[in-house]
Amino acid sequence: MTSRRPRPLNSGSDLGHGAVVLAESCQQVVNNAERAIDARYCCEQMLRARLLYASARPPGGALSHVGLRLSSSAELVELQRRLESAGIATQRQEGVECCYARQTKFWVTDPDGVLWELYVLEGDIDHSGFDDVPQPKPKSTAQSIWIHRLTDPLPNRIFCLDASVDEVRLEGTFNVPLDAARQTKLLDEVKRILRPGGKLVVHGLVGDKPFPGEPKLPGLASLVRHVPVEHELQKTLRNAGFENLFYETLSDVNCISQAGIDLRHCLLIGYRPTHENGCADQLVLYRGPFAHVRDEQGTIYPRGQSVAVTAATAERIRSGPAADQFAFWASNASSSLPMAKGCCNC
């Protein structure tokens, strides 16, 4: 199926020299693309192809990344040289396996935060590799999001105002070696820019035990240079002052085999604490199945018994993963009811 010719990329001077080079380089590639195909199925007369992988990633638009196939290794080297000369950082990968093909490629992020994959095809393989397109997540209700990807340089300071961001996403950030001081500085910055109650999402690869040496993984995972132990990651976030941590995803990565190490795809959620000094005018009742549960603030919720909490605490429970285990309603809380810690007794 022949695709429509894309509109020319905007390479206005307001984007800066580096952005102009990136725009011109990508325009040179896509102008020769005759149809959209996957990495493996290609007619000989087609020199280039473009690939669009959809997923919900607001900072880069509705794309996971954009793939551009080049016709030769020389063209790939020259395009990477031009981008690096213009001050645009790239990440090169040799002989990686993804999309049923062996490829050599490099990655680059454009000024709009879109991740680009530029590659040459070296041969077919019988398995998909590590780069299967992830299932889209539900749209976030956050209005302001700051994101850091594994391929991006780690900033010394995040250029956002204090308490101005609803959500921070660290995509593979902990899959590069970071000493304790660098981790502390990064998480302090994240906590500074998040509003009280703001959400932190940590996405990456973890293991069930310490990984010996530097990993040698296929596909996109070849960018991984450090695999943290799963329990150490949540400990790091808790020590940095984030609360209500939970693993939205912690699943085995079946297509990657490393002797003695169980590698897992991790999506760890945490929140910046809120300053709770309001009235306990909300009632929550824990339904079960346990005799009681306790939150990280030390409040105990006995099964079948109402507990008076602030509106912020009620909202935190309501928006969390255990919301269906609670009942909620507003009421003039009686002084005889158990009170959550930090609540005044109005």
C-alpha atoms as a PDB file:
ATOM      1  CA  MET A   1       0.000   0.000   0.000  1.00  0.00           C
ATOM      2  CA  THR A   2       1.599   3.265  -1.093  1.00  0.00           C
ATOM      3  CA  SER A   3       1.672   5.928   1.589  1.00  0.00           C
ATOM      4  CA  ARG A   4       1.125   9.628   1.132  1.00  0.00           C
ATOM      5  CA  ARG A   5       4.166  11.853   0.875  1.00  0.00           C
ATOM      6  CA  PRO A   6       4.727  13.570   4.246  1.00  0.00           C
ATOM      7  CA  ARG A   7       4.495  17.318   4.558  1.00  0.00           C
ATOM      8  CA  PRO A   8       7.866  19.151   4.678  1.00  0.00           C
ATOM      9  CA  LEU A   9       9.321  19.439   8.162  1.00  0.00           C
ATOM     10  CA  ASN A  10       9.463  22.902   9.647  1.00  0.00           C
ATOM     11  CA  SER A  11      13.096  23.922   9.982  1.00  0.00           C
ATOM     12  CA  GLY A  12      12.560  27.517  11.052  1.00  0.00           C
ATOM     13  CA  SER A  13      15.461  29.409  12.592  1.00  0.00           C
ATOM     14  CA  ASP A  14      13.610  29.660  15.927  1.00  0.00           C
ATOM     15  CA  LEU A  15      14.449  25.977  16.577  1.00  0.00           C
ATOM     16  CA  GLY A  16      18.186  26.566  16.580  1.00  0.00           C
ATOM     17  CA  HIS A  17      20.956  25.130  14.409  1.00  0.00           C
ATOM     18  CA  GLY A  18      20.850  21.630  15.943  1.00  0.00           C
ATOM     19  CA  ALA A  19      17.110  21.319  15.393  1.00  0.00           C
ATOM     20  CA  VAL A  20      17.485  22.528  11.797  1.00  0.00           C
ATOM     21  CA  VAL A  21      20.086  19.848  11.084  1.00  0.00           C
ATOM     22  CA  LEU A  22      17.876  17.179  12.617  1.00  0.00           C
ATOM     23  CA  ALA A  23      14.851  18.381  10.628  1.00  0.00           C
ATOM     24  CA  GLU A  24      16.795  18.549   7.355  1.00  0.00           C
ATOM     25  CA  SER A  25      18.374  15.124   7.927  1.00  0.00           C
ATOM     26  CA  CYS A  26      15.044  13.449   8.641  1.00  0.00           C
ATOM     27  CA  GLN A  27      13.411  15.251   5.705  1.00  0.00           C
ATOM     28  CA  GLN A  28      16.133  13.892   3.413  1.00  0.00           C
ATOM     29  CA  VAL A  29      15.278  10.362   4.560  1.00  0.00           C
ATOM     30  CA  VAL A  30      11.477  10.519   4.452  1.00  0.00           C
ATOM     31  CA  ASN A  31      11.348  12.265   1.067  1.00  0.00           C
ATOM     32  CA  ASN A  32      12.493   8.963  -0.462  1.00  0.00           C
ATOM     33  CA  ALA A  33      10.080   6.730   1.467  1.00  0.00           C
ATOM     34  CA  GLU A  34       7.480   5.147  -0.799  1.00  0.00           C
ATOM     35  CA  ARG A  35       5.406   3.202   1.732  1.00  0.00           C
ATOM     36  CA  ALA A  36       5.130   2.295   5.443  1.00  0.00           C
ATOM     37  CA  ILE A  37       6.357  -1.256   6.185  1.00  0.00           C
ATOM     38  CA  ASP A  38       7.936  -3.185   9.046  1.00  0.00           C
ATOM     39  CA  ALA A  39      11.652  -3.804   9.412  1.00  0.00           C
ATOM     40  CA  ARG A  40      11.609  -7.209   7.702  1.00  0.00           C
ATOM     41  CA  TYR A  41       9.224  -7.078   4.740  1.00  0.00           C
ATOM     42  CA  CYS A  42      10.738  -4.849   2.118  1.00  0.00           C
ATOM     43  CA  CYS A  43      10.855  -4.909  -1.679  1.00  0.00           C
ATOM     44  CA  GLU A  44      14.363  -4.569  -3.095  1.00  0.00           C
ATOM     45  CA  GLN A  45      13.527  -1.402  -4.978  1.00  0.00           C
ATOM     46  CA  MET A  46      12.501   0.382  -1.766  1.00  0.00           C
ATOM     47  CA  LEU A  47      15.465   2.191  -0.319  1.00  0.00           C
ATOM     48  CA  ARG A  48      13.842   3.576   2.811  1.00  0.00           C
ATOM     49  CA  ALA A  49      10.806   3.129   5.000  1.00  0.00           C
ATOM     50  CA  ARG A  50       9.217   4.888   7.912  1.00  0.00           C
ATOM     51  CA  LEU A  51       7.674   3.263  10.997  1.00  0.00           C
ATOM     52  CA  LEU A  52       5.300   4.889  13.482  1.00  0.00           C
ATOM     53  CA  TYR A  53       4.664   3.096  16.793  1.00  0.00           C
ATOM     54  CA  ALA A  54       1.706   4.487  18.725  1.00  0.00           C
ATOM     55  CA  SER A  55       1.577   4.714  22.522  1.00  0.00           C
ATOM     56  CA  ALA A  56       0.417   7.197  25.127  1.00  0.00           C
ATOM     57  CA  ARG A  57       3.434   9.409  25.832  1.00  0.00           C
ATOM     58  CA  PRO A  58       2.342  13.042  26.184  1.00  0.00           C
ATOM     59  CA  PRO A  59       5.813  14.711  26.188  1.00  0.00           C
ATOM     60  CA  GLY A  60       6.622  13.257  22.746  1.00  0.00           C
ATOM     61  CA  GLY A  61       3.110  13.310  21.361  1.00  0.00           C
ATOM     62  CA  ALA A  62       1.165  10.122  20.623  1.00  0.00           C
ATOM     63  CA  LEU A  63       4.296   8.168  19.668  1.00  0.00           C
ATOM     64  CA  SER A  64       6.593   5.698  21.352  1.00  0.00           C
ATOM     65  CA  HIS A  65       9.256   6.405  18.734  1.00  0.00           C
ATOM     66  CA  VAL A  66       9.676   6.951  14.987  1.00  0.00           C
ATOM     67  CA  GLY A  67      11.775   4.473  12.981  1.00  0.00           C
ATOM     68  CA  LEU A  68      13.558   5.427   9.754  1.00  0.00           C
ATOM     69  CA  ARG A  69      15.312   2.760   7.696  1.00  0.00           C
ATOM     70  CA  LEU A  70      18.372   3.874   5.730  1.00  0.00           C
ATOM     71  CA  SER A  71      19.791   2.207   2.632  1.00  0.00           C
ATOM     72  CA  SER A  72      23.419   1.796   3.703  1.00  0.00           C
ATOM     73  CA  SER A  73      25.770   1.805   6.683  1.00  0.00           C
ATOM     74  CA  ALA A  74      27.639   4.736   5.118  1.00  0.00           C
ATOM     75  CA  GLU A  75      24.455   6.803   5.088  1.00  0.00           C
ATOM     76  CA  LEU A  76      23.787   5.904   8.720  1.00  0.00           C
ATOM     77  CA  VAL A  77      27.306   6.938   9.770  1.00  0.00           C
ATOM     78  CA  GLU A  78      27.089  10.220   7.841  1.00  0.00           C
ATOM     79  CA  LEU A  79      23.701  11.134   9.310  1.00  0.00           C
ATOM     80  CA  GLN A  80      24.925  10.423  12.840  1.00  0.00           C
ATOM     81  CA  ARG A  81      28.058  12.496  12.180  1.00  0.00           C
ATOM     82  CA  ARG A  82      25.969  15.484  11.048  1.00  0.00           C
ATOM     83  CA  LEU A  83      23.790  15.347  14.137  1.00  0.00           C
ATOM     84  CA  GLU A  84      26.732  14.998  16.536  1.00  0.00           C
ATOM     85  CA  SER A  85      28.527  17.877  14.773  1.00  0.00           C
ATOM     86  CA  ALA A  86      25.453  20.047  15.391  1.00  0.00           C
ATOM     87  CA  GLY A  87      25.594  19.258  19.116  1.00  0.00           C
ATOM     88  CA  ILE A  88      22.767  16.693  19.164  1.00  0.00           C
ATOM     89  CA  ALA A  89      23.563  13.647  21.312  1.00  0.00           C
ATOM     90  CA  THR A  90      22.946  10.213  19.776  1.00  0.00           C
ATOM     91  CA  GLN A  91      23.128   6.632  21.086  1.00  0.00           C
ATOM     92  CA  ARG A  92      24.492   3.984  18.707  1.00  0.00           C
ATOM     93  CA  GLN A  93      23.714   0.227  18.794  1.00  0.00           C
ATOM     94  CA  GLU A  94      25.498  -2.433  16.732  1.00  0.00           C
ATOM     95  CA  GLY A  95      23.825  -5.656  15.564  1.00  0.00           C
ATOM     96  CA  VAL A  96      20.767  -5.491  17.820  1.00  0.00           C
ATOM     97  CA  GLU A  97      17.739  -7.734  17.360  1.00  0.00           C
ATOM     98  CA  CYS A  98      14.221  -6.335  17.144  1.00  0.00           C
ATOM     99  CA  CYS A  99      11.148  -6.567  14.914  1.00  0.00           C
ATOM    100  CA  TYR A 100      12.276  -9.949  13.514  1.00  0.00           C
ATOM    101  CA  ALA A 101      15.455  -8.367  12.148  1.00  0.00           C
ATOM    102  CA  ARG A 102      19.089  -7.719  13.028  1.00  0.00           C
ATOM    103  CA  GLN A 103      19.888  -4.032  12.764  1.00  0.00           C
ATOM    104  CA  THR A 104      22.541  -1.416  13.413  1.00  0.00           C
ATOM    105  CA  LYS A 105      21.031   1.862  14.514  1.00  0.00           C
ATOM    106  CA  PHE A 106      21.281   5.008  16.544  1.00  0.00           C
ATOM    107  CA  TRP A 107      18.730   6.877  18.643  1.00  0.00           C
ATOM    108  CA  VAL A 108      18.157  10.608  18.938  1.00  0.00           C
ATOM    109  CA  THR A 109      15.555  12.771  20.692  1.00  0.00           C
ATOM    110  CA  ASP A 110      14.242  15.831  18.839  1.00  0.00           C
ATOM    111  CA  PRO A 111      13.408  19.216  20.441  1.00  0.00           C
ATOM    112  CA  ASP A 112       9.759  18.161  20.899  1.00  0.00           C
ATOM    113  CA  GLY A 113      10.809  15.126  22.967  1.00  0.00           C
ATOM    114  CA  VAL A 114      10.067  12.563  20.220  1.00  0.00           C
ATOM    115  CA  LEU A 115      12.468   9.607  20.132  1.00  0.00           C
ATOM    116  CA  TRP A 116      13.808   8.717  16.638  1.00  0.00           C
ATOM    117  CA  GLU A 117      15.346   5.370  15.617  1.00  0.00           C
ATOM    118  CA  LEU A 118      17.512   5.421  12.462  1.00  0.00           C
ATOM    119  CA  TYR A 119      18.729   2.021  11.303  1.00  0.00           C
ATOM    120  CA  VAL A 120      20.018  -0.253   8.538  1.00  0.00           C
ATOM    121  CA  LEU A 121      18.740  -3.813   8.112  1.00  0.00           C
ATOM    122  CA  GLU A 122      21.433  -6.522   8.343  1.00  0.00           C
ATOM    123  CA  GLY A 123      19.305  -9.685   8.153  1.00  0.00           C
ATOM    124  CA  ASP A 124      16.210 -11.570   9.296  1.00  0.00           C
ATOM    125  CA  ILE A 125      15.813 -13.488  12.561  1.00  0.00           C
ATOM    126  CA  ASP A 126      13.162 -15.968  13.704  1.00  0.00           C
ATOM    127  CA  HIS A 127      12.034 -14.145  16.854  1.00  0.00           C
ATOM    128  CA  SER A 128      10.764 -10.657  17.563  1.00  0.00           C
ATOM    129  CA  GLY A 129      13.596  -9.565  19.850  1.00  0.00           C
ATOM    130  CA  PHE A 130      13.001  -7.321  22.830  1.00  0.00           C
ATOM    131  CA  ASP A 131      11.315  -4.426  21.031  1.00  0.00           C
ATOM    132  CA  ASP A 132       7.689  -5.601  20.853  1.00  0.00           C
ATOM    133  CA  VAL A 133       5.451  -2.535  20.897  1.00  0.00           C
ATOM    134  CA  PRO A 134       4.159  -2.039  24.473  1.00  0.00           C
ATOM    135  CA  GLN A 135       0.456  -1.990  25.144  1.00  0.00           C
ATOM    136  CA  PRO A 136      -0.820   1.584  25.534  1.00  0.00           C
ATOM    137  CA  LYS A 137      -1.543   2.780  29.043  1.00  0.00           C
ATOM    138  CA  PRO A 138      -4.697   4.712  29.923  1.00  0.00           C
ATOM    139  CA  LYS A 139      -4.308   8.435  29.472  1.00  0.00           C
ATOM    140  CA  SER A 140      -2.939  10.218  32.512  1.00  0.00           C
ATOM    141  CA  THR A 141      -5.108  12.871  34.119  1.00  0.00           C
ATOM    142  CA  ALA A 142      -1.972  14.874  34.900  1.00  0.00           C
ATOM    143  CA  GLN A 143      -1.897  18.319  33.312  1.00  0.00           C
ATOM    144  CA  SER A 144       1.834  18.915  33.586  1.00  0.00           C
ATOM    145  CA  ILE A 145       4.406  16.146  33.038  1.00  0.00           C
ATOM    146  CA  TRP A 146       8.201  16.123  33.083  1.00  0.00           C
ATOM    147  CA  ILE A 147       9.895  13.056  31.565  1.00  0.00           C
ATOM    148  CA  HIS A 148      13.450  11.728  31.485  1.00  0.00           C
ATOM    149  CA  ARG A 149      14.421   8.853  29.191  1.00  0.00           C
ATOM    150  CA  LEU A 150      17.393   6.538  29.428  1.00  0.00           C
ATOM    151  CA  THR A 151      18.826   8.070  26.233  1.00  0.00           C
ATOM    152  CA  ASP A 152      18.701  11.642  27.615  1.00  0.00           C
ATOM    153  CA  PRO A 153      21.541  13.304  29.556  1.00  0.00           C
ATOM    154  CA  LEU A 154      20.826  13.534  33.280  1.00  0.00           C
ATOM    155  CA  PRO A 155      20.270  17.217  34.190  1.00  0.00           C
ATOM    156  CA  ASN A 156      21.990  18.826  37.148  1.00  0.00           C
ATOM    157  CA  ARG A 157      18.854  20.890  37.641  1.00  0.00           C
ATOM    158  CA  ILE A 158      15.352  20.438  36.273  1.00  0.00           C
ATOM    159  CA  PHE A 159      14.199  23.736  34.818  1.00  0.00           C
ATOM    160  CA  CYS A 160      10.708  23.750  36.321  1.00  0.00           C
ATOM    161  CA  LEU A 161       9.276  25.909  39.077  1.00  0.00           C
ATOM    162  CA  ASP A 162       8.836  24.508  42.562  1.00  0.00           C
ATOM    163  CA  ALA A 163       5.633  22.463  43.002  1.00  0.00           C
ATOM    164  CA  SER A 164       4.612  23.118  39.370  1.00  0.00           C
ATOM    165  CA  VAL A 165       4.451  19.590  37.921  1.00  0.00           C
ATOM    166  CA  ASP A 166       1.688  17.007  38.348  1.00  0.00           C
ATOM    167  CA  GLU A 167       3.678  13.964  37.252  1.00  0.00           C
ATOM    168  CA  VAL A 168       7.308  12.965  36.671  1.00  0.00           C
ATOM    169  CA  ARG A 169       8.228   9.917  34.583  1.00  0.00           C
ATOM    170  CA  LEU A 170      11.680   8.349  34.802  1.00  0.00           C
ATOM    171  CA  GLU A 171      11.907   6.009  31.797  1.00  0.00           C
ATOM    172  CA  GLY A 172      14.944   3.772  32.281  1.00  0.00           C
ATOM    173  CA  THR A 173      16.726   6.425  34.347  1.00  0.00           C
ATOM    174  CA  PHE A 174      17.829   3.888  36.961  1.00  0.00           C
ATOM    175  CA  ASN A 175      19.152   1.535  34.251  1.00  0.00           C
ATOM    176  CA  VAL A 176      22.367   3.537  34.019  1.00  0.00           C
ATOM    177  CA  PRO A 177      24.915   3.511  36.865  1.00  0.00           C
ATOM    178  CA  LEU A 178      24.161   6.293  39.371  1.00  0.00           C
ATOM    179  CA  ASP A 179      26.037   6.677  42.629  1.00  0.00           C
ATOM    180  CA  ALA A 180      24.138   7.452  45.839  1.00  0.00           C
ATOM    181  CA  ALA A 181      24.876  11.185  45.664  1.00  0.00           C
ATOM    182  CA  ARG A 182      23.612  11.450  42.071  1.00  0.00           C
ATOM    183  CA  GLN A 183      20.446   9.506  42.904  1.00  0.00           C
ATOM    184  CA  THR A 184      19.776  11.727  45.905  1.00  0.00           C
ATOM    185  CA  LYS A 185      20.269  14.918  43.881  1.00  0.00           C
ATOM    186  CA  LEU A 186      17.971  13.713  41.094  1.00  0.00           C
ATOM    187  CA  LEU A 187      15.164  12.643  43.433  1.00  0.00           C
ATOM    188  CA  ASP A 188      15.471  15.878  45.420  1.00  0.00           C
ATOM    189  CA  GLU A 189      14.937  17.762  42.168  1.00  0.00           C
ATOM    190  CA  VAL A 190      11.974  15.561  41.264  1.00  0.00           C
ATOM    191  CA  LYS A 191      10.383  16.149  44.658  1.00  0.00           C
ATOM    192  CA  ARG A 192      11.026  19.900  44.368  1.00  0.00           C
ATOM    193  CA  ILE A 193       9.160  20.296  41.074  1.00  0.00           C
ATOM    194  CA  LEU A 194       6.258  17.971  41.971  1.00  0.00           C
ATOM    195  CA  ARG A 195       3.233  19.542  43.595  1.00  0.00           C
ATOM    196  CA  PRO A 196       2.200  18.070  46.976  1.00  0.00           C
ATOM    197  CA  GLY A 197       0.500  14.788  46.133  1.00  0.00           C
ATOM    198  CA  GLY A 198       2.186  14.729  42.703  1.00  0.00           C
ATOM    199  CA  LYS A 199       2.957  11.398  41.078  1.00  0.00           C
ATOM    200  CA  LEU A 200       6.333   9.800  40.310  1.00  0.00           C
ATOM    201  CA  VAL A 201       6.462   6.931  37.798  1.00  0.00           C
ATOM    202  CA  VAL A 202       9.674   4.873  37.584  1.00  0.00           C
ATOM    203  CA  HIS A 203       9.836   2.541  34.580  1.00  0.00           C
ATOM    204  CA  GLY A 204      12.667   0.155  33.835  1.00  0.00           C
ATOM    205  CA  LEU A 205      14.284  -3.245  34.134  1.00  0.00           C
ATOM    206  CA  VAL A 206      15.009  -4.784  37.564  1.00  0.00           C
ATOM    207  CA  GLY A 207      16.331  -8.105  38.816  1.00  0.00           C
ATOM    208  CA  ASP A 208      15.576 -10.372  41.742  1.00  0.00           C
ATOM    209  CA  LYS A 209      19.236 -10.279  42.818  1.00  0.00           C
ATOM    210  CA  PRO A 210      22.355  -8.182  42.081  1.00  0.00           C
ATOM    211  CA  PHE A 211      23.447  -8.367  38.444  1.00  0.00           C
ATOM    212  CA  PRO A 212      27.103  -9.394  37.934  1.00  0.00           C
ATOM    213  CA  GLY A 213      28.874  -6.801  35.794  1.00  0.00           C
ATOM    214  CA  GLU A 214      27.349  -4.799  32.945  1.00  0.00           C
ATOM    215  CA  PRO A 215      24.371  -6.414  31.164  1.00  0.00           C
ATOM    216  CA  LYS A 216      24.593  -7.466  27.511  1.00  0.00           C
ATOM    217  CA  LEU A 217      20.952  -7.454  26.452  1.00  0.00           C
ATOM    218  CA  PRO A 218      19.215  -7.476  23.020  1.00  0.00           C
ATOM    219  CA  GLY A 219      17.144  -4.804  21.269  1.00  0.00           C
ATOM    220  CA  LEU A 220      16.279  -1.603  23.097  1.00  0.00           C
ATOM    221  CA  ALA A 221      17.431  -3.311  26.295  1.00  0.00           C
ATOM    222  CA  SER A 222      21.013  -3.112  25.008  1.00  0.00           C
ATOM    223  CA  LEU A 223      20.976   0.486  26.257  1.00  0.00           C
ATOM    224  CA  VAL A 224      20.660  -0.871  29.809  1.00  0.00           C
ATOM    225  CA  ARG A 225      23.977  -0.639  31.667  1.00  0.00           C
ATOM    226  CA  HIS A 226      22.735  -1.282  35.192  1.00  0.00           C
ATOM    227  CA  VAL A 227      19.987  -3.539  36.601  1.00  0.00           C
ATOM    228  CA  PRO A 228      18.884  -2.545  40.128  1.00  0.00           C
ATOM    229  CA  VAL A 229      17.463  -5.130  42.506  1.00  0.00           C
ATOM    230  CA  GLU A 230      13.683  -4.761  42.667  1.00  0.00           C
ATOM    231  CA  HIS A 231      13.453  -4.101  46.435  1.00  0.00           C
ATOM    232  CA  GLU A 232      16.346  -1.590  46.329  1.00  0.00           C
ATOM    233  CA  LEU A 233      14.461   0.635  43.887  1.00  0.00           C
ATOM    234  CA  GLN A 234      11.455   1.127  46.162  1.00  0.00           C
ATOM    235  CA  LYS A 235      13.816   1.590  49.138  1.00  0.00           C
ATOM    236  CA  THR A 236      15.588   4.378  47.244  1.00  0.00           C
ATOM    237  CA  LEU A 237      12.289   6.178  46.596  1.00  0.00           C
ATOM    238  CA  ARG A 238      11.116   5.721  50.178  1.00  0.00           C
ATOM    239  CA  ASN A 239      14.404   7.109  51.553  1.00  0.00           C
ATOM    240  CA  ALA A 240      13.997  10.108  49.243  1.00  0.00           C
ATOM    241  CA  GLY A 241      10.680  10.911  50.931  1.00  0.00           C
ATOM    242  CA  PHE A 242       8.150   9.483  48.472  1.00  0.00           C
ATOM    243  CA  GLU A 243       5.183   7.625  49.918  1.00  0.00           C
ATOM    244  CA  ASN A 244       2.339   5.256  49.015  1.00  0.00           C
ATOM    245  CA  LEU A 245       4.668   3.242  46.791  1.00  0.00           C
ATOM    246  CA  PHE A 246       3.237   0.382  44.795  1.00  0.00           C
ATOM    247  CA  TYR A 247       4.274  -1.754  41.827  1.00  0.00           C
ATOM    248  CA  GLU A 248       1.769  -1.237  39.035  1.00  0.00           C
ATOM    249  CA  THR A 249       3.790  -3.725  36.987  1.00  0.00           C
ATOM    250  CA  LEU A 250       6.395  -6.269  38.083  1.00  0.00           C
ATOM    251  CA  SER A 251       6.499  -9.028  35.470  1.00  0.00           C
ATOM    252  CA  ASP A 252       9.090 -11.409  34.078  1.00  0.00           C
ATOM    253  CA  VAL A 253      10.791 -10.507  30.798  1.00  0.00           C
ATOM    254  CA  ASN A 254      10.516 -13.904  29.144  1.00  0.00           C
ATOM    255  CA  CYS A 255      12.453 -13.141  25.979  1.00  0.00           C
ATOM    256  CA  ILE A 256      15.646 -12.209  27.865  1.00  0.00           C
ATOM    257  CA  SER A 257      17.688 -14.975  29.488  1.00  0.00           C
ATOM    258  CA  GLN A 258      20.501 -14.235  31.916  1.00  0.00           C
ATOM    259  CA  ALA A 259      22.042 -17.062  33.945  1.00  0.00           C
ATOM    260  CA  GLY A 260      20.701 -17.051  37.473  1.00  0.00           C
ATOM    261  CA  ILE A 261      18.977 -13.653  37.250  1.00  0.00           C
ATOM    262  CA  ASP A 262      15.220 -13.165  36.910  1.00  0.00           C
ATOM    263  CA  LEU A 263      14.799  -9.932  34.922  1.00  0.00           C
ATOM    264  CA  ARG A 264      11.526  -8.101  35.403  1.00  0.00           C
ATOM    265  CA  HIS A 265       9.713  -5.238  33.751  1.00  0.00           C
ATOM    266  CA  CYS A 266       8.999  -2.731  36.530  1.00  0.00           C
ATOM    267  CA  LEU A 267       6.561   0.165  36.791  1.00  0.00           C
ATOM    268  CA  LEU A 268       6.855   1.625  40.291  1.00  0.00           C
ATOM    269  CA  ILE A 269       4.543   4.447  41.405  1.00  0.00           C
ATOM    270  CA  GLY A 270       5.095   6.871  44.289  1.00  0.00           C
ATOM    271  CA  TYR A 271       3.800  10.255  45.459  1.00  0.00           C
ATOM    272  CA  ARG A 272       5.212  13.404  46.972  1.00  0.00           C
ATOM    273  CA  PRO A 273       3.746  13.759  50.486  1.00  0.00           C
ATOM    274  CA  THR A 274       1.010  16.303  51.119  1.00  0.00           C
ATOM    275  CA  HIS A 275       0.983  18.618  54.126  1.00  0.00           C
ATOM    276  CA  GLU A 276      -2.035  17.387  56.039  1.00  0.00           C
ATOM    277  CA  ASN A 277      -3.296  19.661  58.796  1.00  0.00           C
ATOM    278  CA  GLY A 278      -6.945  19.881  57.815  1.00  0.00           C
ATOM    279  CA  CYS A 279     -10.044  18.630  59.539  1.00  0.00           C
ATOM    280  CA  ALA A 280     -10.893  14.941  59.541  1.00  0.00           C
ATOM    281  CA  ASP A 281     -14.243  15.455  57.821  1.00  0.00           C
ATOM    282  CA  GLN A 282     -14.143  12.346  55.623  1.00  0.00           C
ATOM    283  CA  LEU A 283     -14.962   8.781  56.631  1.00  0.00           C
ATOM    284  CA  VAL A 284     -13.386   5.717  55.062  1.00  0.00           C
ATOM    285  CA  LEU A 285     -14.264   2.120  55.851  1.00  0.00           C
ATOM    286  CA  TYR A 286     -11.982  -0.775  55.015  1.00  0.00           C
ATOM    287  CA  ARG A 287     -14.008  -3.644  53.536  1.00  0.00           C
ATOM    288  CA  GLY A 288     -11.375  -6.425  53.822  1.00  0.00           C
ATOM    289  CA  PRO A 289     -10.201  -9.102  53.126  1.00  0.00           C
ATOM    290  CA  PHE A 290      -7.589  -8.633  55.874  1.00  0.00           C
ATOM    291  CA  ALA A 291      -8.343  -7.967  59.541  1.00  0.00           C
ATOM    292  CA  HIS A 292      -6.800  -4.521  59.135  1.00  0.00           C
ATOM    293  CA  VAL A 293      -4.346  -2.584  56.979  1.00  0.00           C
ATOM    294  CA  ARG A 294      -1.942   0.226  57.844  1.00  0.00           C
ATOM    295  CA  ASP A 295      -0.771   3.054  55.600  1.00  0.00           C
ATOM    296  CA  GLU A 296       2.731   4.526  55.522  1.00  0.00           C
ATOM    297  CA  GLN A 297       1.656   7.326  57.861  1.00  0.00           C
ATOM    298  CA  GLY A 298       0.883   4.708  60.536  1.00  0.00           C
ATOM    299  CA  THR A 299      -2.919   4.959  60.391  1.00  0.00           C
ATOM    300  CA  ILE A 300      -4.650   1.615  60.975  1.00  0.00           C
ATOM    301  CA  TYR A 301      -7.884   0.816  59.147  1.00  0.00           C
ATOM    302  CA  PRO A 302      -9.710  -2.070  60.896  1.00  0.00           C
ATOM    303  CA  ARG A 303     -12.002  -4.111  58.689  1.00  0.00           C
ATOM    304  CA  GLY A 304     -15.625  -2.928  58.927  1.00  0.00           C
ATOM    305  CA  GLN A 305     -14.858   0.143  61.063  1.00  0.00           C
ATOM    306  CA  SER A 306     -15.035   3.770  59.899  1.00  0.00           C
ATOM    307  CA  VAL A 307     -11.924   5.926  60.288  1.00  0.00           C
ATOM    308  CA  ALA A 308     -11.995   9.734  60.106  1.00  0.00           C
ATOM    309  CA  VAL A 309      -9.428  11.166  57.676  1.00  0.00           C
ATOM    310  CA  THR A 310      -8.701  14.430  55.895  1.00  0.00           C
ATOM    311  CA  ALA A 311      -9.967  15.042  52.381  1.00  0.00           C
ATOM    312  CA  ALA A 312      -6.385  14.648  51.091  1.00  0.00           C
ATOM    313  CA  THR A 313      -6.024  11.222  52.709  1.00  0.00           C
ATOM    314  CA  ALA A 314      -9.394  10.096  51.380  1.00  0.00           C
ATOM    315  CA  GLU A 315      -8.416  11.196  47.866  1.00  0.00           C
ATOM    316  CA  ARG A 316      -5.085   9.390  48.134  1.00  0.00           C
ATOM    317  CA  ILE A 317      -6.865   6.134  49.018  1.00  0.00           C
ATOM    318  CA  ARG A 318      -9.570   6.686  46.400  1.00  0.00           C
ATOM    319  CA  SER A 319      -7.019   7.169  43.607  1.00  0.00           C
ATOM    320  CA  GLY A 320      -4.778   4.306  44.724  1.00  0.00           C
ATOM    321  CA  PRO A 321      -4.691   0.628  43.729  1.00  0.00           C
ATOM    322  CA  ALA A 322      -6.712  -0.517  46.783  1.00  0.00           C
ATOM    323  CA  ALA A 323      -9.631   1.878  46.266  1.00  0.00           C
ATOM    324  CA  ASP A 324     -12.146  -0.929  45.703  1.00  0.00           C
ATOM    325  CA  GLN A 325     -11.367  -2.265  49.192  1.00  0.00           C
ATOM    326  CA  PHE A 326     -12.716   0.922  50.830  1.00  0.00           C
ATOM    327  CA  ALA A 327     -16.017   2.768  51.124  1.00  0.00           C
ATOM    328  CA  PHE A 328     -16.007   6.581  51.212  1.00  0.00           C
ATOM    329  CA  TRP A 329     -18.408   9.260  52.395  1.00  0.00           C
ATOM    330  CA  ALA A 330     -18.373  12.738  53.873  1.00  0.00           C
ATOM    331  CA  SER A 331     -19.585  13.188  57.411  1.00  0.00           C
ATOM    332  CA  ASN A 332     -19.195  15.209  60.555  1.00  0.00           C
ATOM    333  CA  ALA A 333     -16.722  12.827  62.172  1.00  0.00           C
ATOM    334  CA  SER A 334     -17.451  11.929  65.768  1.00  0.00           C
ATOM    335  CA  SER A 335     -14.629  12.299  68.271  1.00  0.00           C
ATOM    336  CA  SER A 336     -15.244   8.681  69.261  1.00  0.00           C
ATOM    337  CA  LEU A 337     -14.144   7.447  65.822  1.00  0.00           C
ATOM    338  CA  PRO A 338     -10.512   6.508  65.134  1.00  0.00           C
ATOM    339  CA  MET A 339      -8.616   9.409  63.566  1.00  0.00           C
ATOM    340  CA  ALA A 340      -5.880   9.253  60.967  1.00  0.00           C
ATOM    341  CA  LYS A 341      -2.536  10.594  62.131  1.00  0.00           C
ATOM    342  CA  GLY A 342      -2.033  14.298  61.438  1.00  0.00           C
ATOM    343  CA  CYS A 343      -5.761  15.124  61.548  1.00  0.00           C
ATOM    344  CA  CYS A 344      -7.172  17.791  63.797  1.00  0.00           C
ATOM    345  CA  ASN A 345     -10.217  16.934  65.940  1.00  0.00           C
ATOM    346  CA  CYS A 346     -12.620  19.689  64.947  1.00  0.00           C
END
